[in-house]
Amino acid sequence: MRALLVAPIILFMLTNCDRANDTSDTTGMDARIDSVFSSWNHRDTPGAAVAVMKGGKVVFKKGYGMANLEYDIPNTSTSIFHIASESKQYTAFCLVLLAKQGKLSLDDDIRKYLPYVPDFGQKITIKNLIHHTSGIRDQWQLLSIQGTRLEDVITTDHVLKLVANQKELNFPVGSRSLYSNTGYTLMAQIVEKVSGQSFRHFADSAIFKPLAMTDTHFHDDHTELVKGRTYSYEPGSSGKFVHAPLNYSVVGATSLFTTVEDELKWVHNYETYQVGGKEAVSQMFEQGVLTDGTKIDYAFALNIGKYKGYKAIGHGGGDAGYRTYAVRFPDEQLCIAVFSNLGAIDASELANKVADLYLPKKEEEPKAEPKGVDKAVFSHCTGYFTSESGNALRIYDSTKQYVHLFNQDAEVQSLSDSSFSIWGGYATFFFKKSDKAVPGLRVKLGDEKIDFFRYEPTTLASADMDAYVGTYENDELDSRYQIVKLNNKLFLRHWKYPDAPLNMVTRDQWTSNMWWMSNLNMLRDGKKIVRFEVNNGRVLHLKYQRIR
């Protein structure tokens, strides 16, 4: 019995410590990378796998924590992960390859290949899908609104039926960029239509086999057994972990199964042009441009940006308990891939910490200490604000000036007498200097510009709540919700979910704790409420008609 108890520990030590080569680590880099993942390098936690390429050579690869907690199977650099949205760049490249072969144009109308997509009165091109500028609503949020839980079995056919039944877009085509997984599911369908093969087989023959990515495939059947796959986990109660089920049979936007070692083979192709050639590979870095001429950071499923002054090109993903990120620093010939099977792990943060160990430190110009906005000016901005899409914002003055956004407090930094920022400039607030309360703000969040308007929190008498009570229906999703009153409080009810309390922002704007419909706008005919509109996240202007 003693030997049996010791064996798993020996197995864990042997399999978790795979080296890129047999040379000794003379720089201590292995130990420093180990320290980055030390919180997850245990036999009772899920964890991660990491691989690093420098100058075209793999210089580090290792697994941390467990791939399967029930059977004591450790993560290694050859463990197979579902990499979620990081799959998208492969989908985009499949279309680039078909365009290179002359079988389609990226400027083609998608209805040329997918006639079941409704005619919204505007041309939607393949590039619109690639850059998330199509306006097509997001599949995961639509499914959740409909009542399909994301741990249910979800198939491509399910998504396509949702698309075929849509009546509106989120916004005019090309006017903004709003992430849409649906677009990439449709892109996979275009690949199948044009190539005459399943998307899985086309990607395998065009990309994976030429790059010797032997542990990689698009997982189009949730019942398929895959040797060496990791299992998905979320934090549970009392420090324990629970299984986070994933049952997707839908590809394009997600569902690539691969390893960190295979991922580096793919990322290295951006430098070698082995598959596709230089012209096709270069196309992947083409950033989207909106109809007003604004260039966005999003290219062909790659985010083009900077990290600590270095050009950084990458993409991440998250489904169930999987969190993934791969980033390339082209000027430094440095690539890092981090895959995790625990939803609490921030893969991009870990990848950046590994990057810090390799990137030369740049001389930074001295920065002045951030100053708070002048109190006399700031006082005109304090109060409660909301946006059309339901983002709640509070600006308040305590011992320092703060903004409360996305359930977080952030200290304000002054930019000018009519603007300030938080989070190191990620969110910038613009207002008109005034002696009176500022009625509204323009906020720049990354690539997005959002208008916020002021409101005053109010309460509603119990008798007035009755005006909202009723049954509401949407025929696009074949979906029905009720607004009910319980103990002098309003709740949103769906048979598949627990009742969600509704909280009033204004008399016609309410929020719930359901992420998929956290903002409801009440629409009236005169004084009577006749419908509400789901207006948040990646689904806008989805109307539920009051039927009784």
Protein backbone atom coordinates (compact mmCIF):
# COMPACT_ATOMS: atom_id res chain seq x y z
CA MET A 1 0.00 0.00 0.00
CA ARG A 2 2.83 2.39 0.80
CA ALA A 3 4.24 2.07 -2.72
CA LEU A 4 0.82 2.81 -4.21
CA LEU A 5 0.49 5.97 -2.15
CA VAL A 6 3.94 7.23 -3.12
CA ALA A 7 3.57 6.50 -6.84
CA PRO A 8 1.13 9.34 -7.66
CA ILE A 9 3.47 11.85 -6.03
CA ILE A 10 6.41 10.58 -8.09
CA LEU A 11 4.25 10.66 -11.23
CA PHE A 12 3.22 14.27 -10.46
CA MET A 13 6.83 15.34 -10.04
CA LEU A 14 8.01 13.63 -13.21
CA THR A 15 5.23 14.75 -15.52
CA ASN A 16 4.98 18.32 -14.28
CA CYS A 17 8.65 19.06 -14.80
CA ASP A 18 9.17 18.70 -18.53
CA ARG A 19 12.05 20.81 -19.85
CA ALA A 20 12.42 22.37 -23.27
CA ASN A 21 15.79 20.71 -23.64
CA ASP A 22 18.42 18.94 -21.60
CA THR A 23 20.64 21.95 -20.93
CA SER A 24 20.83 23.23 -17.37
CA ASP A 25 19.20 26.50 -16.44
CA THR A 26 22.15 28.77 -15.74
CA THR A 27 20.11 31.98 -15.44
CA GLY A 28 17.62 30.85 -12.81
CA MET A 29 14.79 31.61 -15.24
CA ASP A 30 13.03 28.30 -14.53
CA ALA A 31 12.73 29.14 -10.85
CA ARG A 32 11.47 32.63 -11.58
CA ILE A 33 8.76 31.32 -13.90
CA ASP A 34 7.89 28.71 -11.28
CA SER A 35 7.35 31.52 -8.79
CA VAL A 36 4.81 33.16 -11.14
CA PHE A 37 2.71 29.96 -11.04
CA SER A 38 3.47 28.98 -7.44
CA SER A 39 -0.14 29.47 -6.29
CA TRP A 40 -1.31 26.81 -8.74
CA ASN A 41 1.49 24.27 -8.47
CA HIS A 42 -0.31 21.89 -6.09
CA ARG A 43 -1.85 18.44 -6.26
CA ASP A 44 -5.19 19.71 -4.93
CA THR A 45 -5.76 22.61 -7.35
CA PRO A 46 -6.37 23.01 -11.07
CA GLY A 47 -3.62 24.98 -12.73
CA ALA A 48 -2.05 25.92 -16.01
CA ALA A 49 0.46 25.12 -18.72
CA VAL A 50 2.99 27.62 -20.09
CA ALA A 51 5.39 27.62 -23.02
CA VAL A 52 7.87 30.30 -24.05
CA MET A 53 9.57 30.79 -27.43
CA LYS A 54 12.53 33.15 -27.81
CA GLY A 55 14.29 33.73 -31.10
CA GLY A 56 12.34 30.94 -32.76
CA LYS A 57 13.25 28.32 -30.14
CA VAL A 58 11.17 26.92 -27.30
CA VAL A 59 13.11 27.87 -24.18
CA PHE A 60 10.60 26.83 -21.52
CA LYS A 61 7.56 24.57 -21.24
CA LYS A 62 5.89 23.25 -18.13
CA GLY A 63 2.63 22.37 -16.44
CA TYR A 64 1.36 23.39 -13.02
CA GLY A 65 -1.44 21.96 -10.89
CA MET A 66 -3.83 19.28 -12.01
CA ALA A 67 -5.53 18.51 -15.30
CA ASN A 68 -8.00 16.26 -13.49
CA LEU A 69 -8.58 16.51 -9.75
CA GLU A 70 -10.63 13.33 -9.49
CA TYR A 71 -7.92 11.08 -10.95
CA ASP A 72 -4.82 13.01 -9.83
CA ILE A 73 -3.65 13.73 -13.38
CA PRO A 74 -1.23 16.69 -13.56
CA ASN A 75 -1.05 19.43 -16.15
CA THR A 76 1.93 19.29 -18.53
CA SER A 77 2.96 21.22 -21.60
CA THR A 78 1.25 18.50 -23.70
CA SER A 79 -2.07 18.67 -21.83
CA ILE A 80 -4.93 19.53 -24.16
CA PHE A 81 -7.05 22.59 -23.37
CA HIS A 82 -10.20 24.08 -24.85
CA ILE A 83 -8.83 27.53 -25.74
CA ALA A 84 -12.17 29.33 -26.23
CA SER A 85 -11.98 32.62 -28.17
CA GLU A 86 -8.31 32.20 -28.90
CA SER A 87 -9.68 29.82 -31.55
CA LYS A 88 -10.88 32.79 -33.60
CA GLN A 89 -7.55 33.63 -35.24
CA TYR A 90 -7.45 30.15 -36.79
CA THR A 91 -10.94 30.70 -38.19
CA ALA A 92 -9.93 34.05 -39.64
CA PHE A 93 -6.84 32.50 -41.22
CA CYS A 94 -8.92 29.79 -42.91
CA LEU A 95 -10.84 32.53 -44.71
CA VAL A 96 -7.62 34.36 -45.58
CA LEU A 97 -6.33 31.14 -47.17
CA LEU A 98 -9.52 30.69 -49.19
CA ALA A 99 -9.32 34.30 -50.34
CA LYS A 100 -5.71 33.75 -51.39
CA GLN A 101 -6.86 30.77 -53.45
CA GLY A 102 -9.39 33.01 -55.20
CA LYS A 103 -12.38 31.09 -53.86
CA LEU A 104 -13.91 34.09 -52.12
CA SER A 105 -13.33 37.76 -51.38
CA LEU A 106 -13.22 39.08 -47.83
CA ASP A 107 -15.43 41.92 -49.08
CA ASP A 108 -18.16 39.53 -50.22
CA ASP A 109 -21.67 39.84 -48.80
CA ILE A 110 -22.07 36.95 -46.35
CA ARG A 111 -25.55 36.20 -47.76
CA LYS A 112 -23.81 35.06 -50.96
CA TYR A 113 -22.79 31.95 -48.98
CA LEU A 114 -25.33 31.96 -46.14
CA PRO A 115 -28.71 32.92 -47.62
CA TYR A 116 -30.49 32.03 -44.38
CA VAL A 117 -28.96 35.09 -42.71
CA PRO A 118 -31.77 37.69 -42.73
CA ASP A 119 -31.54 40.64 -45.09
CA PHE A 120 -31.16 43.53 -42.65
CA GLY A 121 -31.15 46.05 -45.49
CA GLN A 122 -27.40 46.52 -45.25
CA LYS A 123 -24.50 44.59 -46.75
CA ILE A 124 -22.55 42.60 -44.16
CA THR A 125 -19.14 41.50 -45.43
CA ILE A 126 -16.83 38.78 -44.21
CA LYS A 127 -14.52 41.52 -42.95
CA ASN A 128 -17.38 42.89 -40.87
CA LEU A 129 -17.60 39.51 -39.17
CA ILE A 130 -13.82 39.38 -38.67
CA HIS A 131 -13.63 42.83 -37.04
CA HIS A 132 -16.88 42.51 -35.03
CA THR A 133 -18.44 45.41 -36.94
CA SER A 134 -21.40 43.48 -38.38
CA GLY A 135 -23.90 44.43 -35.67
CA ILE A 136 -25.04 40.79 -35.42
CA ARG A 137 -26.01 39.95 -31.84
CA ASP A 138 -23.82 37.63 -29.80
CA GLN A 139 -24.82 33.96 -29.71
CA TRP A 140 -23.93 33.23 -26.08
CA GLN A 141 -25.97 36.12 -24.74
CA LEU A 142 -28.90 35.32 -27.03
CA LEU A 143 -28.85 31.71 -25.90
CA SER A 144 -28.77 32.74 -22.25
CA ILE A 145 -31.64 35.19 -22.74
CA GLN A 146 -33.59 32.43 -24.46
CA GLY A 147 -33.13 30.17 -21.45
CA THR A 148 -30.31 27.93 -22.69
CA ARG A 149 -27.75 27.60 -19.93
CA LEU A 150 -24.17 27.68 -21.18
CA GLU A 151 -23.49 24.28 -19.61
CA ASP A 152 -26.28 22.77 -21.75
CA VAL A 153 -25.41 20.98 -24.99
CA ILE A 154 -25.07 23.74 -27.62
CA THR A 155 -24.73 22.89 -31.30
CA THR A 156 -24.02 24.87 -34.46
CA ASP A 157 -27.55 24.17 -35.66
CA HIS A 158 -28.91 25.78 -32.49
CA VAL A 159 -26.95 28.98 -33.17
CA LEU A 160 -27.88 29.13 -36.85
CA LYS A 161 -31.60 28.89 -36.06
CA LEU A 162 -31.21 31.86 -33.70
CA VAL A 163 -29.47 33.86 -36.42
CA ALA A 164 -32.11 33.06 -39.05
CA ASN A 165 -34.84 34.37 -36.76
CA GLN A 166 -33.25 37.75 -35.91
CA LYS A 167 -35.05 40.92 -37.00
CA GLU A 168 -32.60 43.66 -36.06
CA LEU A 169 -28.90 44.39 -35.73
CA ASN A 170 -27.28 45.92 -32.68
CA PHE A 171 -26.20 48.93 -34.76
CA PRO A 172 -25.72 50.01 -38.39
CA VAL A 173 -23.09 47.84 -40.09
CA GLY A 174 -19.58 49.20 -39.67
CA SER A 175 -20.53 52.03 -37.32
CA ARG A 176 -18.89 50.46 -34.26
CA SER A 177 -17.10 47.33 -33.11
CA LEU A 178 -18.90 45.13 -30.59
CA TYR A 179 -17.59 41.63 -29.96
CA SER A 180 -19.82 39.01 -31.55
CA ASN A 181 -19.10 35.29 -31.29
CA THR A 182 -21.92 34.70 -33.78
CA GLY A 183 -19.84 36.25 -36.56
CA TYR A 184 -17.10 33.67 -36.16
CA THR A 185 -19.56 30.79 -36.07
CA LEU A 186 -20.89 32.09 -39.41
CA MET A 187 -17.33 32.38 -40.73
CA ALA A 188 -16.81 28.66 -40.08
CA GLN A 189 -19.98 27.99 -42.05
CA ILE A 190 -18.62 30.02 -44.97
CA VAL A 191 -15.44 27.91 -44.92
CA GLU A 192 -17.56 24.76 -45.14
CA LYS A 193 -19.70 26.15 -47.97
CA VAL A 194 -16.72 27.26 -50.07
CA SER A 195 -14.33 24.37 -49.38
CA GLY A 196 -16.86 21.55 -49.49
CA GLN A 197 -15.33 20.11 -46.30
CA SER A 198 -16.25 20.26 -42.65
CA PHE A 199 -14.60 23.19 -40.93
CA ARG A 200 -12.67 20.78 -38.75
CA HIS A 201 -11.21 18.91 -41.71
CA PHE A 202 -10.35 22.05 -43.65
CA ALA A 203 -8.43 23.54 -40.70
CA ASP A 204 -6.69 20.22 -40.13
CA SER A 205 -5.47 19.88 -43.70
CA ALA A 206 -4.70 23.56 -44.31
CA ILE A 207 -3.08 24.49 -40.98
CA PHE A 208 -2.57 21.79 -38.38
CA LYS A 209 -0.92 19.08 -40.45
CA PRO A 210 1.51 21.42 -42.28
CA LEU A 211 2.58 22.89 -38.94
CA ALA A 212 2.81 19.45 -37.27
CA MET A 213 0.24 20.48 -34.67
CA THR A 214 -0.49 16.84 -33.87
CA ASP A 215 -2.47 17.50 -30.67
CA THR A 216 -4.84 20.08 -32.18
CA HIS A 217 -8.36 19.88 -33.61
CA PHE A 218 -11.63 21.80 -33.71
CA HIS A 219 -13.88 19.89 -31.33
CA ASP A 220 -17.18 19.67 -33.21
CA ASP A 221 -18.67 16.77 -31.22
CA HIS A 222 -19.04 17.22 -27.46
CA THR A 223 -19.32 13.43 -26.96
CA GLU A 224 -15.93 12.70 -28.54
CA LEU A 225 -13.26 11.25 -26.24
CA VAL A 226 -9.93 13.09 -26.29
CA LYS A 227 -6.90 11.55 -24.64
CA GLY A 228 -4.88 13.98 -22.56
CA ARG A 229 -7.59 16.63 -22.26
CA THR A 230 -7.87 18.79 -19.17
CA TYR A 231 -11.06 19.24 -17.21
CA SER A 232 -12.69 22.58 -16.44
CA TYR A 233 -13.08 23.92 -12.88
CA GLU A 234 -14.41 26.89 -10.94
CA PRO A 235 -13.82 27.87 -7.30
CA GLY A 236 -16.39 26.33 -4.97
CA SER A 237 -17.15 26.89 -1.31
CA SER A 238 -14.69 26.44 1.57
CA GLY A 239 -11.67 26.56 -0.72
CA LYS A 240 -12.82 23.58 -2.79
CA PHE A 241 -13.31 23.38 -6.54
CA VAL A 242 -16.30 22.35 -8.63
CA HIS A 243 -16.57 21.03 -12.17
CA ALA A 244 -17.55 23.67 -14.75
CA PRO A 245 -19.22 21.65 -17.55
CA LEU A 246 -18.59 22.49 -21.19
CA ASN A 247 -20.73 20.76 -23.82
CA TYR A 248 -20.18 22.71 -27.03
CA SER A 249 -20.59 21.18 -30.46
CA VAL A 250 -20.13 24.54 -32.16
CA VAL A 251 -16.90 25.71 -33.83
CA GLY A 252 -15.41 28.84 -35.34
CA ALA A 253 -15.83 31.23 -32.44
CA THR A 254 -14.49 28.64 -30.02
CA SER A 255 -13.82 24.93 -29.43
CA LEU A 256 -10.23 24.56 -30.59
CA PHE A 257 -8.49 21.84 -28.56
CA THR A 258 -4.73 22.27 -28.43
CA THR A 259 -1.61 22.40 -26.24
CA VAL A 260 0.75 25.25 -25.39
CA GLU A 261 3.44 23.47 -27.41
CA ASP A 262 1.24 23.32 -30.52
CA GLU A 263 0.15 26.92 -29.95
CA LEU A 264 3.75 28.09 -30.23
CA LYS A 265 4.06 26.30 -33.57
CA TRP A 266 1.11 28.34 -34.77
CA VAL A 267 2.40 31.64 -33.35
CA HIS A 268 5.82 30.96 -34.90
CA ASN A 269 4.12 30.85 -38.30
CA TYR A 270 3.61 34.60 -37.99
CA GLU A 271 7.39 34.88 -38.34
CA THR A 272 8.20 32.03 -40.74
CA TYR A 273 5.18 32.29 -43.14
CA GLN A 274 5.43 28.50 -43.53
CA VAL A 275 1.69 28.20 -44.07
CA GLY A 276 0.02 30.80 -46.26
CA GLY A 277 3.08 32.82 -47.21
CA LYS A 278 3.97 36.37 -46.22
CA GLU A 279 1.01 38.03 -47.92
CA ALA A 280 -1.60 35.89 -46.18
CA VAL A 281 0.11 36.10 -42.79
CA SER A 282 0.47 39.88 -43.08
CA GLN A 283 -3.26 40.14 -43.75
CA MET A 284 -3.85 38.91 -40.19
CA PHE A 285 -2.52 42.19 -38.81
CA GLU A 286 -4.92 44.38 -40.79
CA GLN A 287 -6.91 46.39 -38.27
CA GLY A 288 -10.57 47.19 -38.71
CA VAL A 289 -11.76 50.63 -39.80
CA LEU A 290 -15.20 51.99 -38.91
CA THR A 291 -17.41 53.90 -41.34
CA ASP A 292 -16.31 57.18 -39.73
CA GLY A 293 -12.67 56.35 -40.47
CA THR A 294 -11.70 55.31 -36.94
CA LYS A 295 -9.11 52.53 -36.85
CA ILE A 296 -9.71 49.97 -34.10
CA ASP A 297 -7.13 47.82 -32.32
CA TYR A 298 -8.77 44.57 -33.41
CA ALA A 299 -7.26 42.92 -36.50
CA PHE A 300 -7.99 39.36 -37.72
CA ALA A 301 -8.81 38.01 -34.25
CA LEU A 302 -5.65 39.63 -32.95
CA ASN A 303 -5.45 42.62 -30.63
CA ILE A 304 -2.73 45.01 -31.74
CA GLY A 305 -1.42 46.97 -28.78
CA LYS A 306 1.48 47.69 -26.48
CA TYR A 307 2.73 46.35 -23.18
CA LYS A 308 5.17 48.50 -21.21
CA GLY A 309 6.26 50.22 -24.39
CA TYR A 310 6.67 47.01 -26.42
CA LYS A 311 4.47 46.13 -29.37
CA ALA A 312 2.28 43.22 -28.29
CA ILE A 313 -0.02 41.13 -30.48
CA GLY A 314 -2.29 38.61 -28.82
CA HIS A 315 -5.70 37.22 -28.02
CA GLY A 316 -7.29 35.45 -25.10
CA GLY A 317 -10.28 33.26 -24.42
CA GLY A 318 -12.58 32.06 -21.68
CA ASP A 319 -15.32 29.43 -21.62
CA ALA A 320 -16.56 27.62 -18.51
CA GLY A 321 -13.40 27.20 -16.38
CA TYR A 322 -10.90 27.60 -19.22
CA ARG A 323 -8.82 30.79 -19.44
CA THR A 324 -6.22 31.16 -22.20
CA TYR A 325 -3.89 33.78 -23.63
CA ALA A 326 -1.10 33.83 -26.18
CA VAL A 327 0.96 36.92 -26.91
CA ARG A 328 3.80 37.74 -29.27
CA PHE A 329 6.31 40.57 -28.91
CA PRO A 330 7.54 40.70 -32.52
CA ASP A 331 10.41 43.13 -32.00
CA GLU A 332 11.82 40.94 -29.24
CA GLN A 333 11.05 37.62 -31.01
CA LEU A 334 9.28 36.53 -27.83
CA CYS A 335 6.12 34.40 -27.70
CA ILE A 336 4.29 33.21 -24.59
CA ALA A 337 1.27 30.91 -24.29
CA VAL A 338 -0.59 30.31 -21.02
CA PHE A 339 -3.56 27.94 -20.83
CA SER A 340 -5.51 27.35 -17.61
CA ASN A 341 -8.33 25.06 -16.54
CA LEU A 342 -9.52 27.23 -13.63
CA GLY A 343 -11.91 30.12 -14.16
CA ALA A 344 -10.32 32.16 -11.35
CA ILE A 345 -6.96 32.37 -13.12
CA ASP A 346 -6.12 35.43 -15.23
CA ALA A 347 -4.09 33.90 -18.07
CA SER A 348 -3.15 37.26 -19.60
CA GLU A 349 -1.81 38.55 -16.30
CA LEU A 350 0.33 35.43 -15.86
CA ALA A 351 1.61 35.69 -19.44
CA ASN A 352 2.57 39.31 -18.86
CA LYS A 353 4.40 38.39 -15.67
CA VAL A 354 6.40 35.83 -17.63
CA ALA A 355 7.05 38.46 -20.30
CA ASP A 356 8.43 40.78 -17.61
CA LEU A 357 11.15 38.19 -16.95
CA TYR A 358 12.31 38.25 -20.58
CA LEU A 359 11.70 41.79 -21.80
CA PRO A 360 14.61 44.22 -21.34
CA LYS A 361 13.64 47.05 -19.05
CA LYS A 362 13.21 50.31 -20.93
CA GLU A 363 14.22 53.66 -19.58
CA GLU A 364 10.96 55.38 -18.81
CA GLU A 365 10.50 59.12 -18.73
CA PRO A 366 9.79 60.36 -15.21
CA LYS A 367 6.09 60.85 -14.70
CA ALA A 368 4.53 63.55 -12.59
CA GLU A 369 2.51 62.39 -9.62
CA PRO A 370 -1.15 62.06 -10.65
CA LYS A 371 -3.29 64.86 -9.24
CA GLY A 372 -6.90 64.73 -8.32
CA VAL A 373 -9.32 66.89 -10.24
CA ASP A 374 -9.78 70.36 -8.75
CA LYS A 375 -12.54 70.05 -6.14
CA ALA A 376 -14.40 73.09 -7.43
CA VAL A 377 -14.58 71.53 -10.89
CA PHE A 378 -15.10 67.96 -9.74
CA SER A 379 -18.09 68.89 -7.57
CA HIS A 380 -20.11 69.61 -10.72
CA CYS A 381 -19.55 66.02 -11.92
CA THR A 382 -20.48 64.15 -8.76
CA GLY A 383 -23.64 62.11 -8.83
CA TYR A 384 -25.25 59.13 -10.53
CA PHE A 385 -25.10 58.46 -14.28
CA THR A 386 -26.27 55.73 -16.60
CA SER A 387 -25.88 54.90 -20.29
CA GLU A 388 -28.35 53.67 -22.88
CA SER A 389 -26.86 50.19 -22.58
CA GLY A 390 -27.28 50.14 -18.82
CA ASN A 391 -23.81 50.85 -17.48
CA ALA A 392 -24.22 52.34 -14.02
CA LEU A 393 -21.72 55.01 -13.02
CA ARG A 394 -21.28 56.94 -9.81
CA ILE A 395 -18.85 59.82 -9.34
CA TYR A 396 -18.30 60.87 -5.75
CA ASP A 397 -16.00 62.91 -3.55
CA SER A 398 -14.71 61.28 -0.39
CA THR A 399 -11.25 61.86 1.02
CA LYS A 400 -10.26 61.62 -2.65
CA GLN A 401 -12.19 61.76 -5.91
CA TYR A 402 -13.52 58.39 -7.04
CA VAL A 403 -15.50 56.75 -9.84
CA HIS A 404 -17.55 53.62 -9.23
CA LEU A 405 -17.86 51.67 -12.49
CA PHE A 406 -18.32 47.94 -13.22
CA ASN A 407 -18.73 47.39 -9.45
CA GLN A 408 -15.26 48.79 -8.77
CA ASP A 409 -14.00 51.98 -7.14
CA ALA A 410 -11.19 53.77 -8.96
CA GLU A 411 -9.30 56.88 -7.98
CA VAL A 412 -9.53 59.76 -10.43
CA GLN A 413 -6.52 61.24 -12.21
CA SER A 414 -6.72 64.72 -13.68
CA LEU A 415 -6.10 65.23 -17.40
CA SER A 416 -7.42 68.77 -17.87
CA ASP A 417 -10.03 71.05 -16.38
CA SER A 418 -12.66 69.24 -18.46
CA SER A 419 -11.48 65.62 -18.40
CA PHE A 420 -10.18 62.96 -16.04
CA SER A 421 -9.35 59.28 -16.19
CA ILE A 422 -9.19 56.07 -14.17
CA TRP A 423 -7.31 52.77 -14.51
CA GLY A 424 -4.23 54.35 -16.00
CA GLY A 425 -6.21 56.00 -18.78
CA TYR A 426 -8.26 53.00 -19.93
CA ALA A 427 -11.42 54.96 -19.08
CA THR A 428 -11.38 58.68 -19.87
CA PHE A 429 -14.21 61.04 -18.90
CA PHE A 430 -14.96 64.22 -20.85
CA PHE A 431 -17.34 66.90 -19.61
CA LYS A 432 -18.18 70.55 -20.21
CA LYS A 433 -16.83 72.85 -17.53
CA SER A 434 -19.80 74.47 -15.82
CA ASP A 435 -20.92 76.23 -12.69
CA LYS A 436 -23.90 73.90 -12.59
CA ALA A 437 -24.23 70.13 -12.29
CA VAL A 438 -22.91 68.44 -15.42
CA PRO A 439 -25.91 66.77 -17.18
CA GLY A 440 -23.87 64.20 -19.03
CA LEU A 441 -20.46 62.73 -19.73
CA ARG A 442 -18.74 61.24 -22.76
CA VAL A 443 -16.65 58.26 -21.62
CA LYS A 444 -14.01 56.55 -23.74
CA LEU A 445 -13.63 52.90 -22.71
CA GLY A 446 -10.93 51.34 -24.84
CA ASP A 447 -12.22 51.71 -28.44
CA GLU A 448 -15.76 52.51 -27.29
CA LYS A 449 -17.22 55.98 -26.77
CA ILE A 450 -20.25 55.93 -24.47
CA ASP A 451 -22.58 58.74 -23.47
CA PHE A 452 -23.77 58.81 -19.86
CA PHE A 453 -26.63 60.94 -18.57
CA ARG A 454 -27.37 62.01 -15.02
CA TYR A 455 -30.18 60.57 -12.95
CA GLU A 456 -31.32 60.79 -9.35
CA PRO A 457 -31.99 57.51 -7.49
CA THR A 458 -35.64 57.22 -6.52
CA THR A 459 -37.93 54.66 -4.97
CA LEU A 460 -41.24 53.37 -6.25
CA ALA A 461 -44.36 52.92 -4.14
CA SER A 462 -45.73 49.39 -3.95
CA ALA A 463 -48.94 50.35 -5.76
CA ASP A 464 -46.95 51.85 -8.66
CA MET A 465 -45.11 48.56 -9.15
CA ASP A 466 -48.27 46.96 -10.49
CA ALA A 467 -47.83 48.90 -13.75
CA TYR A 468 -44.80 46.71 -14.58
CA VAL A 469 -46.26 43.32 -13.66
CA GLY A 470 -47.05 41.09 -16.63
CA THR A 471 -45.85 38.52 -19.15
CA TYR A 472 -43.44 39.58 -21.89
CA GLU A 473 -42.59 37.63 -25.04
CA ASN A 474 -39.96 37.73 -27.81
CA ASP A 475 -40.69 35.72 -30.96
CA GLU A 476 -37.10 36.00 -32.29
CA LEU A 477 -35.99 33.69 -29.46
CA ASP A 478 -39.34 32.03 -28.78
CA SER A 479 -38.79 33.22 -25.24
CA ARG A 480 -40.99 34.47 -22.41
CA TYR A 481 -40.35 36.29 -19.12
CA GLN A 482 -42.61 37.53 -16.37
CA ILE A 483 -42.25 40.55 -14.13
CA VAL A 484 -43.80 39.61 -10.79
CA LYS A 485 -44.26 41.42 -7.48
CA LEU A 486 -43.24 39.59 -4.33
CA ASN A 487 -43.19 41.25 -0.90
CA ASN A 488 -43.39 44.72 -2.44
CA LYS A 489 -40.44 44.12 -4.73
CA LEU A 490 -40.29 43.40 -8.47
CA PHE A 491 -38.59 40.28 -9.84
CA LEU A 492 -37.76 39.02 -13.32
CA ARG A 493 -38.91 35.42 -13.71
CA HIS A 494 -37.96 32.72 -16.23
CA TRP A 495 -38.79 29.06 -15.71
CA LYS A 496 -35.14 28.04 -16.22
CA TYR A 497 -33.55 30.51 -13.78
CA PRO A 498 -33.99 31.65 -10.16
CA ASP A 499 -36.10 34.79 -9.78
CA ALA A 500 -33.90 37.87 -10.26
CA PRO A 501 -34.63 41.04 -8.25
CA LEU A 502 -35.18 44.16 -10.38
CA ASN A 503 -33.62 47.40 -9.20
CA MET A 504 -34.82 50.77 -10.49
CA VAL A 505 -32.37 53.23 -12.02
CA THR A 506 -35.09 55.46 -13.45
CA ARG A 507 -38.79 54.69 -13.84
CA ASP A 508 -38.03 53.32 -17.31
CA GLN A 509 -34.64 51.73 -16.69
CA TRP A 510 -34.17 48.72 -14.44
CA THR A 511 -31.27 46.40 -13.72
CA SER A 512 -31.09 42.75 -12.73
CA ASN A 513 -28.33 40.37 -11.60
CA MET A 514 -28.75 38.30 -14.78
CA TRP A 515 -25.63 39.19 -16.81
CA TRP A 516 -27.41 38.35 -20.06
CA MET A 517 -30.17 40.90 -19.45
CA SER A 518 -28.85 43.12 -16.71
CA ASN A 519 -30.42 46.25 -18.22
CA LEU A 520 -34.09 46.59 -19.17
CA ASN A 521 -35.54 49.70 -20.76
CA MET A 522 -39.32 50.01 -20.36
CA LEU A 523 -41.10 51.33 -23.46
CA ARG A 524 -44.51 52.99 -23.15
CA ASP A 525 -47.54 53.85 -25.22
CA GLY A 526 -48.62 56.93 -23.37
CA LYS A 527 -48.37 55.97 -19.71
CA LYS A 528 -48.86 52.25 -20.28
CA ILE A 529 -45.81 49.95 -20.47
CA VAL A 530 -46.19 47.89 -23.65
CA ARG A 531 -42.76 46.24 -23.91
CA PHE A 532 -39.28 46.19 -22.51
CA GLU A 533 -35.99 46.22 -24.36
CA VAL A 534 -32.90 44.19 -23.41
CA ASN A 535 -30.09 46.63 -23.91
CA ASN A 536 -26.77 45.58 -22.46
CA GLY A 537 -23.53 43.80 -23.24
CA ARG A 538 -23.44 42.32 -26.73
CA VAL A 539 -27.20 42.39 -27.34
CA LEU A 540 -28.93 45.71 -27.94
CA HIS A 541 -32.54 46.67 -28.67
CA LEU A 542 -34.00 43.16 -28.24
CA LYS A 543 -37.69 43.75 -27.59
CA TYR A 544 -40.05 41.75 -25.38
CA GLN A 545 -43.71 42.54 -26.08
CA ARG A 546 -46.13 42.62 -23.16
CA ILE A 547 -48.82 40.06 -23.91
CA ARG A 548 -50.81 40.27 -20.66
